Amino acid sequence: MTSRPFATGLLCLLAWSFSSTAVSSCKELAVTGVGDEDEFYVACTNSLLKPTYVITQYYGGTEHFSLLSLNVGSSGYFCSGTSEQSRCQALPRGAIPYGTHKSRKSEVTVANLSKAKAAYNEKDVIFRFPKSYGAARSLGCFAVIEESKDVIIGLSEDRLYQSAECLVAFERYLVNDKGMLFR
């Protein structure tokens, strides 16, 4: 049964990895079945220009499968995993593309989670996921949008696979915030 979600995830990953337009795009599909045969699919790609990422997730019955790719140039990572195990592979110049990246009208800062508590606790924000810094440390990531519309993404090297949760929550927010489109 694992081959079906893997094939679905791989196809979504390939389809969106060649997309060059940066528009808020998270597609979700729920399929209702009988018993534990319900299925849920999520496929997201980055809305802002950098970093570039693609996320596909499949939830079905007791199975979960996910593929994630995040990069800026030669820095970044690819991850795959199931509900039981995950594996990530760093690109040649390192796993996390730390730094501030320009994205049209906004700046996107990719920060080390353990050194970004002050950025997470910034008062003037319009979006914050997860809701507490303790939850961010536990999850291994966070996403913050400041009132200036600049974005801070905090990542933990030892929990790269979980970063999909923060990026999906970020993209879901952007769908409803028209002021962030094309930033």
N, C-alpha and C. Protein backbone atom coordinates (compact mmCIF):
# COMPACT_ATOMS: atom_id res chain seq x y z
N MET A 1 0.81 -1.19 0.00
CA MET A 1 0.00 0.00 0.00
C MET A 1 0.86 1.26 0.00
N THR A 2 2.11 1.15 0.41
CA THR A 2 2.99 2.31 0.47
C THR A 2 3.32 2.83 -0.93
N SER A 3 3.29 2.01 -1.94
CA SER A 3 3.66 2.45 -3.28
C SER A 3 2.67 3.47 -3.83
N ARG A 4 1.39 3.37 -3.48
CA ARG A 4 0.41 4.33 -3.98
C ARG A 4 0.67 5.74 -3.48
N PRO A 5 0.80 5.95 -2.15
CA PRO A 5 1.09 7.31 -1.71
C PRO A 5 2.45 7.81 -2.18
N PHE A 6 3.41 6.90 -2.29
CA PHE A 6 4.72 7.30 -2.79
C PHE A 6 4.62 7.80 -4.22
N ALA A 7 3.91 7.06 -5.07
CA ALA A 7 3.76 7.46 -6.46
C ALA A 7 3.01 8.79 -6.57
N THR A 8 1.96 8.95 -5.77
CA THR A 8 1.19 10.20 -5.77
C THR A 8 2.08 11.36 -5.34
N GLY A 9 2.81 11.17 -4.25
CA GLY A 9 3.69 12.23 -3.76
C GLY A 9 4.77 12.58 -4.76
N LEU A 10 5.36 11.57 -5.36
CA LEU A 10 6.41 11.80 -6.34
C LEU A 10 5.89 12.57 -7.55
N LEU A 11 4.71 12.22 -8.04
CA LEU A 11 4.13 12.93 -9.18
C LEU A 11 3.86 14.39 -8.84
N CYS A 12 3.30 14.64 -7.65
CA CYS A 12 3.05 16.03 -7.24
C CYS A 12 4.35 16.80 -7.10
N LEU A 13 5.35 16.16 -6.49
CA LEU A 13 6.64 16.80 -6.31
C LEU A 13 7.26 17.16 -7.65
N LEU A 14 7.24 16.25 -8.59
CA LEU A 14 7.81 16.52 -9.91
C LEU A 14 7.04 17.60 -10.65
N ALA A 15 5.72 17.55 -10.57
CA ALA A 15 4.90 18.54 -11.28
C ALA A 15 5.17 19.95 -10.79
N TRP A 16 5.25 20.12 -9.49
CA TRP A 16 5.45 21.45 -8.96
C TRP A 16 6.91 21.86 -8.89
N SER A 17 7.81 20.95 -8.94
CA SER A 17 9.22 21.35 -8.87
C SER A 17 9.64 22.10 -10.13
N PHE A 18 8.90 21.92 -11.20
CA PHE A 18 9.22 22.62 -12.44
C PHE A 18 8.41 23.90 -12.61
N SER A 19 7.58 24.21 -11.64
CA SER A 19 6.78 25.42 -11.70
C SER A 19 7.65 26.61 -11.31
N SER A 20 7.59 27.70 -12.08
CA SER A 20 8.42 28.86 -11.77
C SER A 20 7.61 30.02 -11.22
N THR A 21 6.30 29.93 -11.24
CA THR A 21 5.51 31.03 -10.72
C THR A 21 5.36 30.87 -9.22
N ALA A 22 5.51 31.97 -8.52
CA ALA A 22 5.40 31.94 -7.07
C ALA A 22 4.08 32.57 -6.65
N VAL A 23 3.03 31.81 -6.63
CA VAL A 23 1.71 32.24 -6.22
C VAL A 23 1.25 31.25 -5.15
N SER A 24 0.56 31.77 -4.15
CA SER A 24 0.15 30.91 -3.05
C SER A 24 -0.58 29.68 -3.59
N SER A 25 0.00 28.53 -3.34
CA SER A 25 -0.63 27.33 -3.88
C SER A 25 -0.47 26.15 -2.94
N CYS A 26 -1.53 25.88 -2.25
CA CYS A 26 -1.66 24.68 -1.45
C CYS A 26 -2.95 24.03 -1.92
N LYS A 27 -2.84 22.86 -2.40
CA LYS A 27 -4.01 22.12 -2.83
C LYS A 27 -4.25 21.00 -1.83
N GLU A 28 -5.50 20.83 -1.44
CA GLU A 28 -5.83 19.79 -0.49
C GLU A 28 -7.04 19.02 -1.01
N LEU A 29 -7.02 17.73 -0.79
CA LEU A 29 -8.11 16.87 -1.25
C LEU A 29 -8.41 15.84 -0.18
N ALA A 30 -9.67 15.76 0.22
CA ALA A 30 -10.11 14.73 1.17
C ALA A 30 -11.02 13.77 0.41
N VAL A 31 -10.74 12.49 0.54
CA VAL A 31 -11.55 11.46 -0.10
C VAL A 31 -12.14 10.60 1.02
N THR A 32 -13.46 10.57 1.09
CA THR A 32 -14.13 9.81 2.13
C THR A 32 -14.35 8.39 1.67
N GLY A 33 -13.96 7.46 2.50
CA GLY A 33 -14.12 6.04 2.20
C GLY A 33 -14.90 5.36 3.31
N VAL A 34 -14.86 4.05 3.30
CA VAL A 34 -15.55 3.25 4.30
C VAL A 34 -14.54 2.80 5.35
N GLY A 35 -14.91 2.85 6.62
CA GLY A 35 -14.00 2.42 7.68
C GLY A 35 -12.81 3.35 7.78
N ASP A 36 -11.61 2.79 7.73
CA ASP A 36 -10.40 3.62 7.81
C ASP A 36 -9.81 3.87 6.42
N GLU A 37 -10.66 3.90 5.43
CA GLU A 37 -10.21 4.10 4.05
C GLU A 37 -10.25 5.57 3.61
N ASP A 38 -10.46 6.51 4.54
CA ASP A 38 -10.40 7.92 4.19
C ASP A 38 -8.98 8.28 3.78
N GLU A 39 -8.87 9.21 2.83
CA GLU A 39 -7.56 9.66 2.36
C GLU A 39 -7.54 11.18 2.34
N PHE A 40 -6.38 11.74 2.63
CA PHE A 40 -6.21 13.18 2.62
C PHE A 40 -4.88 13.50 1.95
N TYR A 41 -4.92 14.37 0.98
CA TYR A 41 -3.72 14.75 0.23
C TYR A 41 -3.46 16.24 0.41
N VAL A 42 -2.21 16.62 0.55
CA VAL A 42 -1.79 18.02 0.62
C VAL A 42 -0.61 18.18 -0.33
N ALA A 43 -0.66 19.22 -1.14
CA ALA A 43 0.47 19.52 -2.03
C ALA A 43 0.64 21.05 -2.03
N CYS A 44 1.81 21.49 -1.61
CA CYS A 44 2.09 22.94 -1.50
C CYS A 44 3.40 23.27 -2.20
N THR A 45 3.44 24.46 -2.73
CA THR A 45 4.69 25.01 -3.25
C THR A 45 4.82 26.43 -2.72
N ASN A 46 6.02 26.96 -2.72
CA ASN A 46 6.26 28.26 -2.11
C ASN A 46 5.52 29.39 -2.82
N SER A 47 5.03 30.33 -2.02
CA SER A 47 4.38 31.52 -2.55
C SER A 47 5.38 32.64 -2.80
N LEU A 48 6.36 32.74 -1.93
CA LEU A 48 7.37 33.78 -2.07
C LEU A 48 8.52 33.23 -2.91
N LEU A 49 9.34 34.09 -3.45
CA LEU A 49 10.37 33.65 -4.39
C LEU A 49 11.43 32.74 -3.76
N LYS A 50 11.87 33.07 -2.55
CA LYS A 50 12.91 32.27 -1.91
C LYS A 50 12.58 32.14 -0.44
N PRO A 51 12.86 31.02 0.17
CA PRO A 51 13.40 29.80 -0.42
C PRO A 51 12.34 29.08 -1.25
N THR A 52 12.79 28.23 -2.13
CA THR A 52 11.90 27.43 -2.95
C THR A 52 11.60 26.14 -2.19
N TYR A 53 10.34 25.78 -2.11
CA TYR A 53 10.01 24.50 -1.48
C TYR A 53 8.78 23.87 -2.12
N VAL A 54 8.74 22.56 -2.02
CA VAL A 54 7.62 21.75 -2.51
C VAL A 54 7.33 20.72 -1.42
N ILE A 55 6.07 20.58 -1.07
CA ILE A 55 5.66 19.64 -0.03
C ILE A 55 4.49 18.82 -0.56
N THR A 56 4.58 17.52 -0.44
CA THR A 56 3.43 16.65 -0.71
C THR A 56 3.25 15.73 0.48
N GLN A 57 1.99 15.58 0.89
CA GLN A 57 1.69 14.72 2.02
C GLN A 57 0.48 13.85 1.67
N TYR A 58 0.51 12.64 2.18
CA TYR A 58 -0.60 11.70 2.00
C TYR A 58 -0.92 11.09 3.37
N TYR A 59 -2.19 11.13 3.71
CA TYR A 59 -2.68 10.48 4.92
C TYR A 59 -3.79 9.53 4.50
N GLY A 60 -3.67 8.27 4.83
CA GLY A 60 -4.70 7.29 4.49
C GLY A 60 -4.75 6.19 5.52
N GLY A 61 -5.92 6.00 6.12
CA GLY A 61 -6.04 4.98 7.15
C GLY A 61 -5.02 5.22 8.25
N THR A 62 -4.11 4.31 8.41
CA THR A 62 -3.05 4.47 9.41
C THR A 62 -1.73 4.86 8.78
N GLU A 63 -1.73 5.13 7.47
CA GLU A 63 -0.49 5.48 6.77
C GLU A 63 -0.33 6.98 6.60
N HIS A 64 0.90 7.41 6.59
CA HIS A 64 1.26 8.79 6.28
C HIS A 64 2.55 8.73 5.48
N PHE A 65 2.59 9.52 4.41
CA PHE A 65 3.81 9.60 3.61
C PHE A 65 3.99 11.04 3.19
N SER A 66 5.22 11.51 3.16
CA SER A 66 5.47 12.90 2.81
C SER A 66 6.80 13.04 2.09
N LEU A 67 6.84 13.98 1.15
CA LEU A 67 8.06 14.38 0.47
C LEU A 67 8.20 15.89 0.65
N LEU A 68 9.41 16.36 0.87
CA LEU A 68 9.67 17.76 1.08
C LEU A 68 10.99 18.13 0.42
N SER A 69 10.99 19.26 -0.24
CA SER A 69 12.21 19.80 -0.83
C SER A 69 12.24 21.29 -0.50
N LEU A 70 13.35 21.78 0.03
CA LEU A 70 13.52 23.21 0.31
C LEU A 70 14.93 23.59 -0.10
N ASN A 71 15.05 24.66 -0.88
CA ASN A 71 16.40 25.08 -1.28
C ASN A 71 16.46 26.54 -1.70
N VAL A 72 17.69 27.06 -1.63
CA VAL A 72 18.09 28.33 -2.21
C VAL A 72 19.42 28.03 -2.86
N GLY A 73 19.45 28.00 -4.17
CA GLY A 73 20.68 27.65 -4.88
C GLY A 73 21.14 26.25 -4.52
N SER A 74 22.38 26.12 -4.06
CA SER A 74 22.94 24.81 -3.72
C SER A 74 22.81 24.47 -2.24
N SER A 75 22.06 25.27 -1.48
CA SER A 75 21.80 24.97 -0.08
C SER A 75 20.36 24.53 0.07
N GLY A 76 20.15 23.53 0.90
CA GLY A 76 18.79 23.06 1.13
C GLY A 76 18.78 21.58 1.43
N TYR A 77 17.60 20.99 1.34
CA TYR A 77 17.46 19.58 1.67
C TYR A 77 16.25 18.96 1.00
N PHE A 78 16.30 17.64 0.90
CA PHE A 78 15.20 16.81 0.45
C PHE A 78 14.89 15.84 1.57
N CYS A 79 13.61 15.65 1.87
CA CYS A 79 13.22 14.70 2.91
C CYS A 79 12.09 13.82 2.40
N SER A 80 12.06 12.61 2.89
CA SER A 80 10.93 11.71 2.65
C SER A 80 10.70 10.95 3.93
N GLY A 81 9.48 10.51 4.11
CA GLY A 81 9.22 9.78 5.33
C GLY A 81 7.81 9.25 5.40
N THR A 82 7.63 8.42 6.40
CA THR A 82 6.33 7.83 6.71
C THR A 82 5.99 8.22 8.14
N SER A 83 4.88 7.68 8.64
CA SER A 83 4.51 7.97 10.02
C SER A 83 5.49 7.35 11.00
N GLU A 84 6.32 6.41 10.54
CA GLU A 84 7.24 5.72 11.44
C GLU A 84 8.70 6.17 11.33
N GLN A 85 9.12 6.63 10.16
CA GLN A 85 10.51 7.04 10.01
C GLN A 85 10.64 8.07 8.89
N SER A 86 11.71 8.87 8.98
CA SER A 86 11.96 9.87 7.95
C SER A 86 13.46 9.93 7.69
N ARG A 87 13.78 10.51 6.54
CA ARG A 87 15.18 10.65 6.15
C ARG A 87 15.33 11.93 5.35
N CYS A 88 16.38 12.68 5.64
CA CYS A 88 16.65 13.91 4.91
C CYS A 88 18.07 13.89 4.36
N GLN A 89 18.24 14.53 3.23
CA GLN A 89 19.54 14.61 2.58
C GLN A 89 19.85 16.07 2.30
N ALA A 90 20.98 16.55 2.78
CA ALA A 90 21.39 17.93 2.55
C ALA A 90 21.95 18.10 1.15
N LEU A 91 21.78 19.28 0.59
CA LEU A 91 22.40 19.64 -0.68
C LEU A 91 23.87 19.98 -0.43
N PRO A 92 24.69 20.13 -1.48
CA PRO A 92 26.14 20.30 -1.32
C PRO A 92 26.59 21.43 -0.39
N ARG A 93 25.88 22.53 -0.34
CA ARG A 93 26.32 23.66 0.49
C ARG A 93 25.62 23.73 1.85
N GLY A 94 25.06 22.64 2.30
CA GLY A 94 24.44 22.61 3.62
C GLY A 94 22.94 22.49 3.56
N ALA A 95 22.38 22.03 4.67
CA ALA A 95 20.96 21.74 4.70
C ALA A 95 20.08 22.99 4.78
N ILE A 96 20.46 23.92 5.62
CA ILE A 96 19.58 25.08 5.80
C ILE A 96 20.19 26.31 5.14
N PRO A 97 19.45 26.92 4.21
CA PRO A 97 19.96 28.12 3.53
C PRO A 97 19.76 29.36 4.40
N TYR A 98 20.57 29.46 5.48
CA TYR A 98 20.46 30.59 6.40
C TYR A 98 20.69 31.90 5.66
N GLY A 99 20.00 32.93 6.14
CA GLY A 99 20.22 34.26 5.58
C GLY A 99 18.90 34.92 5.24
N THR A 100 19.03 36.12 4.71
CA THR A 100 17.86 36.89 4.29
C THR A 100 17.81 36.91 2.78
N HIS A 101 16.66 36.58 2.25
CA HIS A 101 16.47 36.46 0.81
C HIS A 101 15.37 37.43 0.37
N LYS A 102 15.61 38.13 -0.73
CA LYS A 102 14.64 39.08 -1.26
C LYS A 102 13.56 38.35 -2.04
N SER A 103 12.31 38.73 -1.82
CA SER A 103 11.18 38.14 -2.53
C SER A 103 10.24 39.26 -2.95
N ARG A 104 10.48 39.82 -4.10
CA ARG A 104 9.73 40.97 -4.60
C ARG A 104 9.73 42.10 -3.58
N LYS A 105 8.64 42.26 -2.79
CA LYS A 105 8.52 43.37 -1.85
C LYS A 105 8.82 42.99 -0.41
N SER A 106 9.04 41.73 -0.15
CA SER A 106 9.29 41.25 1.21
C SER A 106 10.68 40.65 1.32
N GLU A 107 11.15 40.56 2.56
CA GLU A 107 12.37 39.82 2.84
C GLU A 107 11.98 38.55 3.58
N VAL A 108 12.63 37.45 3.24
CA VAL A 108 12.39 36.19 3.91
C VAL A 108 13.70 35.79 4.58
N THR A 109 13.67 35.69 5.90
CA THR A 109 14.85 35.30 6.65
C THR A 109 14.70 33.85 7.09
N VAL A 110 15.68 33.04 6.77
CA VAL A 110 15.73 31.66 7.24
C VAL A 110 16.75 31.64 8.38
N ALA A 111 16.26 31.28 9.57
CA ALA A 111 17.08 31.38 10.77
C ALA A 111 17.20 30.03 11.47
N ASN A 112 18.25 29.91 12.26
CA ASN A 112 18.43 28.75 13.12
C ASN A 112 17.42 28.89 14.26
N LEU A 113 16.57 27.91 14.42
CA LEU A 113 15.50 27.95 15.41
C LEU A 113 16.03 28.26 16.81
N SER A 114 17.12 27.63 17.20
CA SER A 114 17.63 27.81 18.56
C SER A 114 18.19 29.21 18.82
N LYS A 115 18.50 29.96 17.76
CA LYS A 115 19.04 31.31 17.91
C LYS A 115 18.03 32.39 17.55
N ALA A 116 16.78 32.00 17.30
CA ALA A 116 15.80 32.95 16.78
C ALA A 116 14.62 33.20 17.72
N LYS A 117 14.82 32.99 19.01
CA LYS A 117 13.73 33.18 19.97
C LYS A 117 13.21 34.62 19.93
N ALA A 118 14.12 35.58 19.87
CA ALA A 118 13.70 36.99 19.84
C ALA A 118 12.86 37.28 18.60
N ALA A 119 13.26 36.74 17.47
CA ALA A 119 12.49 36.94 16.23
C ALA A 119 11.10 36.30 16.36
N TYR A 120 11.05 35.12 16.96
CA TYR A 120 9.75 34.45 17.14
C TYR A 120 8.86 35.27 18.06
N ASN A 121 9.42 35.82 19.13
CA ASN A 121 8.63 36.55 20.13
C ASN A 121 8.34 37.99 19.76
N GLU A 122 8.71 38.41 18.56
CA GLU A 122 8.43 39.77 18.08
C GLU A 122 6.95 40.09 18.31
N LYS A 123 6.68 41.29 18.81
CA LYS A 123 5.31 41.68 19.16
C LYS A 123 4.46 42.03 17.93
N ASP A 124 5.06 42.69 16.95
CA ASP A 124 4.30 43.20 15.81
C ASP A 124 4.25 42.16 14.69
N VAL A 125 3.45 41.11 14.89
CA VAL A 125 3.31 40.08 13.87
C VAL A 125 1.85 39.90 13.50
N ILE A 126 1.62 39.48 12.25
CA ILE A 126 0.26 39.21 11.81
C ILE A 126 -0.01 37.71 11.69
N PHE A 127 1.06 36.91 11.74
CA PHE A 127 0.92 35.46 11.71
C PHE A 127 2.08 34.84 12.47
N ARG A 128 1.76 33.81 13.24
CA ARG A 128 2.79 33.07 13.98
C ARG A 128 2.34 31.62 14.09
N PHE A 129 3.21 30.70 13.64
CA PHE A 129 2.94 29.27 13.80
C PHE A 129 4.22 28.57 14.20
N PRO A 130 4.15 27.72 15.20
CA PRO A 130 3.02 27.46 16.10
C PRO A 130 2.81 28.62 17.07
N LYS A 131 1.87 28.47 17.96
CA LYS A 131 1.45 29.58 18.82
C LYS A 131 2.43 29.92 19.94
N SER A 132 3.33 29.01 20.30
CA SER A 132 4.30 29.31 21.36
C SER A 132 5.70 28.88 20.92
N TYR A 133 6.72 29.53 21.51
CA TYR A 133 8.09 29.17 21.17
C TYR A 133 8.42 27.76 21.66
N GLY A 134 7.84 27.36 22.78
CA GLY A 134 8.02 25.99 23.27
C GLY A 134 7.50 24.97 22.26
N ALA A 135 6.36 25.26 21.66
CA ALA A 135 5.81 24.37 20.64
C ALA A 135 6.70 24.37 19.40
N ALA A 136 7.27 25.53 19.08
CA ALA A 136 8.18 25.63 17.93
C ALA A 136 9.42 24.77 18.16
N ARG A 137 9.98 24.82 19.35
CA ARG A 137 11.15 23.99 19.68
C ARG A 137 10.80 22.51 19.61
N SER A 138 9.62 22.16 20.10
CA SER A 138 9.18 20.77 20.08
C SER A 138 8.96 20.28 18.65
N LEU A 139 8.34 21.13 17.83
CA LEU A 139 8.07 20.77 16.44
C LEU A 139 9.33 20.83 15.58
N GLY A 140 10.21 21.78 15.89
CA GLY A 140 11.45 21.92 15.13
C GLY A 140 11.40 23.01 14.07
N CYS A 141 10.37 23.87 14.13
CA CYS A 141 10.28 24.95 13.14
C CYS A 141 9.28 25.99 13.59
N PHE A 142 9.33 27.16 12.93
CA PHE A 142 8.28 28.16 13.08
C PHE A 142 8.25 29.03 11.83
N ALA A 143 7.12 29.72 11.67
CA ALA A 143 6.96 30.70 10.60
C ALA A 143 6.27 31.93 11.20
N VAL A 144 6.82 33.11 10.90
CA VAL A 144 6.30 34.37 11.42
C VAL A 144 6.20 35.35 10.26
N ILE A 145 5.09 36.09 10.21
CA ILE A 145 4.97 37.21 9.27
C ILE A 145 4.85 38.47 10.12
N GLU A 146 5.79 39.38 9.93
CA GLU A 146 5.79 40.64 10.67
C GLU A 146 4.80 41.61 10.02
N GLU A 147 4.42 42.66 10.76
CA GLU A 147 3.51 43.66 10.20
C GLU A 147 4.08 44.30 8.94
N SER A 148 5.39 44.36 8.84
CA SER A 148 6.05 44.91 7.65
C SER A 148 5.91 43.99 6.45
N LYS A 149 5.34 42.81 6.65
CA LYS A 149 5.16 41.76 5.64
C LYS A 149 6.44 40.97 5.38
N ASP A 150 7.48 41.20 6.19
CA ASP A 150 8.67 40.36 6.09
C ASP A 150 8.40 39.05 6.81
N VAL A 151 9.09 38.01 6.39
CA VAL A 151 8.83 36.66 6.88
C VAL A 151 10.08 36.10 7.55
N ILE A 152 9.89 35.39 8.65
CA ILE A 152 10.99 34.70 9.31
C ILE A 152 10.60 33.23 9.43
N ILE A 153 11.46 32.36 8.93
CA ILE A 153 11.25 30.92 9.03
C ILE A 153 12.38 30.37 9.88
N GLY A 154 12.03 29.76 11.00
CA GLY A 154 13.03 29.17 11.89
C GLY A 154 13.05 27.66 11.68
N LEU A 155 14.24 27.12 11.49
CA LEU A 155 14.39 25.68 11.23
C LEU A 155 15.41 25.07 12.17
N SER A 156 15.23 23.80 12.46
CA SER A 156 16.15 23.04 13.30
C SER A 156 16.77 21.94 12.45
N GLU A 157 18.11 21.89 12.42
CA GLU A 157 18.82 20.90 11.59
C GLU A 157 18.45 19.47 11.91
N ASP A 158 18.12 19.20 13.16
CA ASP A 158 17.82 17.82 13.53
C ASP A 158 16.34 17.46 13.36
N ARG A 159 15.54 18.39 12.84
CA ARG A 159 14.12 18.11 12.62
C ARG A 159 13.64 18.69 11.28
N LEU A 160 14.43 18.50 10.27
CA LEU A 160 14.09 19.07 8.96
C LEU A 160 12.79 18.51 8.41
N TYR A 161 12.54 17.24 8.62
CA TYR A 161 11.33 16.61 8.09
C TYR A 161 10.07 17.30 8.61
N GLN A 162 10.08 17.71 9.88
CA GLN A 162 8.91 18.35 10.48
C GLN A 162 8.68 19.76 9.96
N SER A 163 9.65 20.35 9.28
CA SER A 163 9.48 21.71 8.78
C SER A 163 8.31 21.81 7.81
N ALA A 164 7.90 20.70 7.24
CA ALA A 164 6.74 20.70 6.35
C ALA A 164 5.50 21.23 7.07
N GLU A 165 5.35 20.91 8.35
CA GLU A 165 4.17 21.35 9.10
C GLU A 165 4.10 22.88 9.17
N CYS A 166 5.22 23.52 9.43
CA CYS A 166 5.25 24.98 9.51
C CYS A 166 5.02 25.62 8.14
N LEU A 167 5.62 25.05 7.12
CA LEU A 167 5.48 25.61 5.77
C LEU A 167 4.06 25.45 5.24
N VAL A 168 3.42 24.33 5.52
CA VAL A 168 2.02 24.14 5.11
C VAL A 168 1.12 25.12 5.85
N ALA A 169 1.31 25.30 7.15
CA ALA A 169 0.51 26.27 7.92
C ALA A 169 0.72 27.68 7.37
N PHE A 170 1.95 28.03 7.03
CA PHE A 170 2.27 29.33 6.44
C PHE A 170 1.53 29.52 5.11
N GLU A 171 1.59 28.53 4.24
CA GLU A 171 0.90 28.62 2.94
C GLU A 171 -0.61 28.69 3.10
N ARG A 172 -1.16 27.95 4.05
CA ARG A 172 -2.60 28.02 4.30
C ARG A 172 -3.00 29.42 4.73
N TYR A 173 -2.18 30.07 5.53
CA TYR A 173 -2.46 31.44 5.94
C TYR A 173 -2.43 32.38 4.72
N LEU A 174 -1.42 32.22 3.87
CA LEU A 174 -1.27 33.12 2.73
C LEU A 174 -2.45 33.09 1.78
N VAL A 175 -3.11 31.96 1.68
CA VAL A 175 -4.29 31.85 0.81
C VAL A 175 -5.34 32.88 1.21
N ASN A 176 -5.44 33.17 2.51
CA ASN A 176 -6.47 34.08 3.01
C ASN A 176 -5.99 35.51 3.20
N ASP A 177 -4.71 35.78 3.05
CA ASP A 177 -4.17 37.13 3.23
C ASP A 177 -3.79 37.69 1.87
N LYS A 178 -4.70 38.38 1.25
CA LYS A 178 -4.47 38.91 -0.11
C LYS A 178 -3.34 39.94 -0.14
N GLY A 179 -3.04 40.56 1.00
CA GLY A 179 -1.95 41.55 1.07
C GLY A 179 -0.58 40.90 0.90
N MET A 180 -0.50 39.60 1.12
CA MET A 180 0.78 38.89 0.98
C MET A 180 1.00 38.33 -0.42
N LEU A 181 -0.04 38.32 -1.24
CA LEU A 181 0.12 37.81 -2.59
C LEU A 181 1.13 38.63 -3.38
N PHE A 182 1.95 37.97 -4.13
CA PHE A 182 2.95 38.60 -4.99
C PHE A 182 3.95 39.47 -4.22
N ARG A 183 4.27 39.09 -2.99
CA ARG A 183 5.24 39.82 -2.19
C ARG A 183 6.57 39.15 -2.40
